[in-house]
Protein backbone atom coordinates (compact mmCIF):
# COMPACT_ATOMS: atom_id res chain seq x y z
CA MET A 1 -29.91 37.95 29.15
CA GLN A 2 -26.95 40.24 28.40
CA ARG A 3 -27.58 43.44 26.47
CA ASP A 4 -24.69 42.53 24.17
CA ASP A 5 -26.27 39.20 23.18
CA ILE A 6 -27.14 38.85 19.48
CA TYR A 7 -30.56 37.35 18.79
CA LEU A 8 -31.56 35.63 15.58
CA ILE A 9 -34.25 38.23 14.97
CA ASP A 10 -31.65 40.98 15.26
CA MET A 11 -29.38 39.17 12.83
CA TRP A 12 -32.29 38.78 10.41
CA ARG A 13 -33.05 42.49 10.58
CA LEU A 14 -29.37 43.29 10.06
CA LEU A 15 -29.21 41.08 6.97
CA ARG A 16 -32.39 42.66 5.61
CA ARG A 17 -30.81 46.09 5.92
CA GLU A 18 -27.49 45.03 4.41
CA TRP A 19 -28.77 42.45 1.94
CA ARG A 20 -26.88 44.00 -0.96
CA TRP A 21 -23.52 43.47 0.75
CA PHE A 22 -24.49 39.99 1.80
CA LEU A 23 -25.56 38.96 -1.71
CA ALA A 24 -22.56 40.64 -3.33
CA VAL A 25 -20.03 38.79 -1.22
CA PHE A 26 -21.97 35.52 -1.52
CA ALA A 27 -22.07 35.89 -5.32
CA ILE A 28 -18.34 36.65 -5.44
CA ALA A 29 -17.62 33.50 -3.40
CA LEU A 30 -19.74 31.39 -5.75
CA LEU A 31 -18.08 32.88 -8.82
CA ALA A 32 -14.67 32.14 -7.30
CA THR A 33 -15.78 28.57 -6.63
CA PHE A 34 -16.94 28.08 -10.22
CA ALA A 35 -13.73 29.64 -11.52
CA PHE A 36 -11.70 27.25 -9.40
CA MET A 37 -13.66 24.25 -10.65
CA ARG A 38 -13.12 25.31 -14.27
CA SER A 39 -9.40 26.05 -13.89
CA ALA A 40 -8.33 23.18 -11.61
CA LYS A 41 -6.82 20.20 -13.41
CA PRO A 42 -8.82 17.07 -12.58
CA GLN A 43 -7.16 14.25 -10.69
CA TRP A 44 -7.93 10.54 -10.70
CA GLN A 45 -6.95 8.22 -7.86
CA ALA A 46 -5.61 4.69 -8.23
CA ASP A 47 -5.91 2.28 -5.28
CA ALA A 48 -3.67 -0.79 -5.02
CA TRP A 49 -3.68 -3.50 -2.36
CA ILE A 50 -0.22 -5.02 -1.92
CA ARG A 51 0.48 -8.36 -0.25
CA ILE A 52 3.97 -8.41 1.24
CA GLY A 53 5.90 -11.51 0.18
CA GLN A 54 7.22 -14.10 2.58
CA ILE A 55 9.68 -16.97 2.76
CA GLY A 56 8.33 -20.13 4.37
CA THR A 57 11.82 -21.43 5.22
CA ALA A 58 12.41 -18.71 7.82
CA PRO A 59 13.64 -20.12 11.17
CA ALA A 60 11.04 -20.77 13.86
CA GLY A 61 10.18 -17.63 15.81
CA GLN A 62 11.30 -15.33 12.99
CA ASP A 63 8.90 -13.24 10.92
CA PRO A 64 8.58 -15.01 7.54
CA LYS A 65 7.80 -11.75 5.75
CA ILE A 66 10.49 -10.56 3.38
CA GLU A 67 10.33 -7.16 5.04
CA PRO A 68 8.30 -6.08 8.10
CA LEU A 69 5.24 -3.97 7.38
CA GLN A 70 6.58 -0.90 9.20
CA ARG A 71 9.81 -1.02 7.21
CA VAL A 72 7.86 -1.31 3.96
CA LEU A 73 5.89 1.81 4.92
CA GLU A 74 9.11 3.71 5.60
CA ARG A 75 10.62 2.52 2.32
CA LEU A 76 7.63 3.65 0.25
CA GLN A 77 7.71 7.07 1.95
CA TRP A 78 11.45 7.43 1.28
CA ILE A 79 12.01 10.14 -1.32
CA PRO A 80 14.88 8.33 -3.13
CA PHE A 81 12.60 5.30 -3.57
CA GLN A 82 9.84 7.49 -5.00
CA ARG A 83 12.32 9.11 -7.37
CA GLN A 84 13.38 5.67 -8.59
CA VAL A 85 9.73 4.89 -9.31
CA MET A 86 9.34 8.06 -11.35
CA GLN A 87 12.60 7.52 -13.23
CA SER A 88 11.57 3.96 -14.09
CA ILE A 89 8.69 5.37 -16.16
CA GLY A 90 10.66 8.27 -17.61
CA ILE A 91 9.52 11.14 -15.34
CA ALA A 92 12.19 13.57 -14.11
CA PRO A 93 12.34 14.35 -10.36
CA ASP A 94 11.49 18.07 -10.57
CA THR A 95 8.51 17.90 -12.93
CA PRO A 96 4.95 18.76 -11.83
CA GLU A 97 4.01 15.10 -12.33
CA ALA A 98 6.69 13.93 -9.91
CA LYS A 99 5.62 16.55 -7.36
CA LEU A 100 2.01 15.38 -7.62
CA TYR A 101 3.16 11.77 -7.12
CA HIS A 102 5.14 12.68 -3.97
CA LYS A 103 2.28 14.77 -2.60
CA SER A 104 -0.59 12.39 -3.31
CA LEU A 105 1.01 9.05 -2.34
CA LYS A 106 -0.93 7.72 0.64
CA LEU A 107 -0.36 4.47 2.54
CA GLU A 108 -2.77 2.59 4.77
CA PRO A 109 -1.43 -0.48 6.60
CA LEU A 110 -3.87 -3.38 6.95
CA ALA A 111 -1.95 -5.48 9.45
CA TYR A 112 -4.96 -7.65 10.30
CA ALA A 113 -5.25 -8.95 6.72
CA GLY A 114 -2.08 -10.72 5.87
CA PRO A 115 -0.63 -8.11 6.27
CA LEU A 116 -1.81 -6.02 3.37
CA LEU A 117 -0.90 -2.48 2.43
CA LYS A 118 -3.28 -0.14 0.63
CA LEU A 119 -1.54 2.35 -1.63
CA SER A 120 -3.27 5.36 -3.18
CA VAL A 121 -1.82 7.80 -5.70
CA ARG A 122 -3.32 10.55 -7.86
CA ALA A 123 -2.56 11.68 -11.40
CA HIS A 124 -4.13 13.83 -14.12
CA SER A 125 -5.61 10.89 -16.03
CA PRO A 126 -6.90 7.40 -15.12
CA GLU A 127 -4.20 5.74 -17.23
CA GLN A 128 -1.44 7.75 -15.59
CA ALA A 129 -2.73 7.01 -12.09
CA ARG A 130 -2.78 3.28 -12.88
CA GLN A 131 0.72 3.47 -14.35
CA TRP A 132 2.11 5.18 -11.25
CA ALA A 133 0.57 2.63 -8.90
CA GLU A 134 1.88 -0.27 -11.02
CA ALA A 135 5.38 1.26 -11.18
CA THR A 136 5.44 1.59 -7.38
CA VAL A 137 4.51 -2.07 -6.94
CA VAL A 138 7.07 -3.22 -9.54
CA GLN A 139 9.85 -1.24 -7.83
CA LEU A 140 8.97 -2.74 -4.44
CA GLN A 141 8.84 -6.24 -5.98
CA ALA A 142 12.34 -5.84 -7.42
CA ILE A 143 13.77 -4.81 -4.05
CA HIS A 144 12.04 -7.63 -2.20
CA ARG A 145 13.26 -10.21 -4.71
CA ASP A 146 16.84 -9.06 -4.14
CA VAL A 147 16.31 -9.29 -0.38
CA ALA A 148 14.80 -12.77 -0.55
CA ALA A 149 17.23 -14.21 -3.13
CA PRO A 150 20.03 -15.33 -0.72
CA GLN A 151 17.65 -17.12 1.63
CA LEU A 152 15.81 -18.83 -1.23
CA LYS A 153 19.13 -19.87 -2.76
CA LEU A 154 20.17 -21.51 0.52
CA ALA A 155 16.81 -23.30 0.75
CA HIS A 156 17.15 -24.74 -2.76
CA GLN A 157 20.74 -25.74 -2.09
CA ARG A 158 19.59 -27.58 1.02
CA LEU A 159 16.88 -29.28 -1.04
CA ASP A 160 19.50 -30.46 -3.55
CA GLU A 161 21.69 -31.73 -0.72
CA LEU A 162 18.80 -33.70 0.74
CA GLN A 163 18.11 -35.22 -2.67
CA ARG A 164 21.75 -36.29 -3.06
CA GLU A 165 21.83 -37.72 0.46
CA LEU A 166 18.63 -39.63 -0.22
CA GLN A 167 20.08 -41.14 -3.38
CA SER A 168 23.33 -42.06 -1.66
CA ILE A 169 21.74 -43.59 1.43
CA THR A 170 19.12 -45.39 -0.67
CA ALA A 171 21.88 -47.03 -2.68
CA GLU A 172 23.74 -47.93 0.51
CA ARG A 173 20.57 -49.28 2.10
CA ASP A 174 19.89 -51.47 -0.95
CA ARG A 175 23.43 -52.86 -0.70
CA LEU A 176 23.00 -53.61 3.00
CA GLN A 177 19.67 -55.30 2.35
CA GLN A 178 21.26 -57.50 -0.28
CA ASN A 179 24.10 -58.42 2.08
CA ALA A 180 21.66 -59.15 4.91
CA GLU A 181 19.61 -61.45 2.69
CA GLN A 182 22.69 -63.33 1.56
CA SER A 183 24.59 -63.64 4.86
CA LYS A 184 21.71 -63.75 7.34
CA ASP A 185 23.96 -61.62 9.60
CA GLY A 186 22.40 -59.88 12.60
CA VAL A 187 24.82 -56.96 12.40
CA ALA A 188 23.79 -56.31 8.81
CA SER A 189 20.15 -56.34 9.88
CA LEU A 190 20.86 -53.76 12.59
CA LEU A 191 22.69 -51.56 10.06
CA LEU A 192 19.75 -51.94 7.71
CA ILE A 193 17.33 -50.76 10.41
CA SER A 194 19.57 -47.74 11.09
CA LYS A 195 19.64 -46.84 7.41
CA ASP A 196 15.86 -47.14 7.18
CA GLU A 197 15.50 -44.68 10.07
CA GLU A 198 17.98 -42.31 8.43
CA LEU A 199 16.12 -42.53 5.15
CA SER A 200 12.83 -41.86 6.88
CA ALA A 201 14.25 -38.72 8.56
CA LEU A 202 15.69 -37.45 5.27
CA ARG A 203 12.43 -38.04 3.41
CA GLN A 204 10.50 -36.18 6.11
CA GLY A 205 12.97 -33.30 6.02
CA ARG A 206 12.64 -33.08 2.24
CA ILE A 207 8.83 -33.14 2.47
CA ASP A 208 8.88 -30.38 5.11
CA LEU A 209 11.23 -28.21 3.03
CA LEU A 210 9.13 -28.69 -0.11
CA ALA A 211 6.03 -27.72 1.86
CA ARG A 212 7.74 -24.53 3.09
CA LEU A 213 8.72 -23.67 -0.49
CA ASP A 214 5.17 -24.21 -1.71
CA PRO A 215 3.46 -21.06 -3.11
CA ALA A 216 1.08 -21.14 -0.15
CA TYR A 217 3.99 -20.29 2.20
CA THR A 218 6.67 -18.78 -0.07
CA TYR A 219 5.58 -16.08 -2.49
CA ASP A 220 6.65 -12.72 -3.95
CA THR A 221 5.36 -9.30 -3.04
CA ALA A 222 2.49 -8.68 -5.43
CA LEU A 223 -0.89 -7.08 -5.96
CA MET A 224 -3.64 -8.81 -4.04
CA TRP A 225 -6.30 -7.57 -6.47
CA PRO A 226 -6.23 -5.52 -9.69
CA ILE A 227 -5.60 -1.80 -9.33
CA TYR A 228 -8.86 0.15 -9.02
CA VAL A 229 -9.35 3.52 -10.72
CA PRO A 230 -12.87 5.01 -10.59
CA GLU A 231 -14.36 6.48 -13.73
CA GLN A 232 -14.96 9.90 -12.14
CA ALA A 233 -12.21 12.26 -11.04
CA VAL A 234 -11.75 12.57 -7.28
CA PHE A 235 -10.59 16.20 -7.54
CA PRO A 236 -12.22 18.62 -7.81
CA ASN A 237 -15.33 16.98 -6.38
CA PRO A 238 -18.25 19.06 -7.75
CA ALA A 239 -20.66 18.44 -4.88
CA LEU A 240 -18.06 18.92 -2.16
CA THR A 241 -16.50 21.97 -3.80
CA LEU A 242 -19.86 23.69 -4.35
CA GLY A 243 -20.92 22.90 -0.81
CA MET A 244 -17.74 24.35 0.65
CA GLY A 245 -17.96 27.38 -1.62
CA ALA A 246 -21.58 28.04 -0.63
CA ALA A 247 -20.76 27.66 3.07
CA MET A 248 -17.80 30.02 2.75
CA GLY A 249 -19.95 32.47 0.79
CA LEU A 250 -22.62 32.47 3.49
CA PHE A 251 -20.02 33.03 6.20
CA LEU A 252 -18.24 35.83 4.35
CA GLY A 253 -21.59 37.40 3.38
CA VAL A 254 -22.67 37.55 7.03
CA VAL A 255 -19.29 38.99 8.01
CA ALA A 256 -19.56 41.64 5.29
CA ALA A 257 -23.12 42.55 6.34
CA VAL A 258 -22.14 42.83 9.99
CA GLY A 259 -19.07 44.90 9.13
CA ARG A 260 -21.09 47.22 6.88
CA ASN A 261 -23.72 47.68 9.58
CA ALA A 262 -21.08 48.49 12.18
CA TRP A 263 -19.44 51.01 9.85
CA ARG A 264 -22.85 52.62 9.15
CA ARG A 265 -23.64 52.94 12.90
CA ARG A 266 -20.21 54.42 13.59
CA ALA A 267 -20.73 56.97 10.81
CA VAL A 268 -24.12 57.96 12.23
C-alpha cells in the first residue's frame, strides 16, 4: 500500500472533523436545487408518429415515398422550415417560444416501420406542445402534397385516357362483331379477335392503375396515431432533479471538507 493512499476510514474521520463544512455545502446545494425547481418554467412534451406519404404509381425500382426519410429529417431540421411552422400559428421567430421550439425539436427515424418518423417537441403547456406538433405535421403535409401533385395529376390523366380508349375500342369492337355476324367474313373475325386482345390489355392496365391509386398504396403524409402528451411535465423532473442535486451536494460537501482539512493542516 502507498502512504498517500486514502482509506475509507480516513475519509470518515476527516468528514467527522469537518462535518460542519460538509453539511453547510450539502445544504446549500439542496437549497439551490429547490430554488431551481420552484423558478424553472415547466415543460410538457408532445410525441407524434408521422407516416411519410407515398405514390403507388412510381416507376418500378423507384422509391414510392413522396420524399426519402433522410431528406424529410433534413427538412424538419432546416431552420427556415421551423420558422414557417411558428409563423403559421402566429409566433414570431425571435420569441422565447420559438427558441424553445427550435431547441426542443427532436427526431427519431423508424425506418423499419414503414418508414415512420417520431417527432418530439416541448412547450410550456400541454395544449401548446400539442399545437406545435400538429403545426409541424400540417406544414410537412402541405409540402408533400405540392411535391406529389404533378405525379398524381399524370396518373389521373392516364386513367382518363385509358377510359376513353376503352370506350372507343369497345364501340369499334361491337361494330366489328356486328359485321362479322352479318358477313361471316374470316378477316372480320380476325380483327375481332385482335380487338378483344386489345380490350383485355386496356382493362388490365386500368385495373392495375386503379390498384396503384388505391389508399393502400397511394396516401398522404399524416399522423400514424394521435399526438401523445403526458399529464405530467417532463421538465423539471422532481425525482431526477432532486437526485442530481443530492449527488452534487454530496460531492461538493466532500470537496469542501477535504479542502478545509487541508487548509487546517497547512495552517498548523
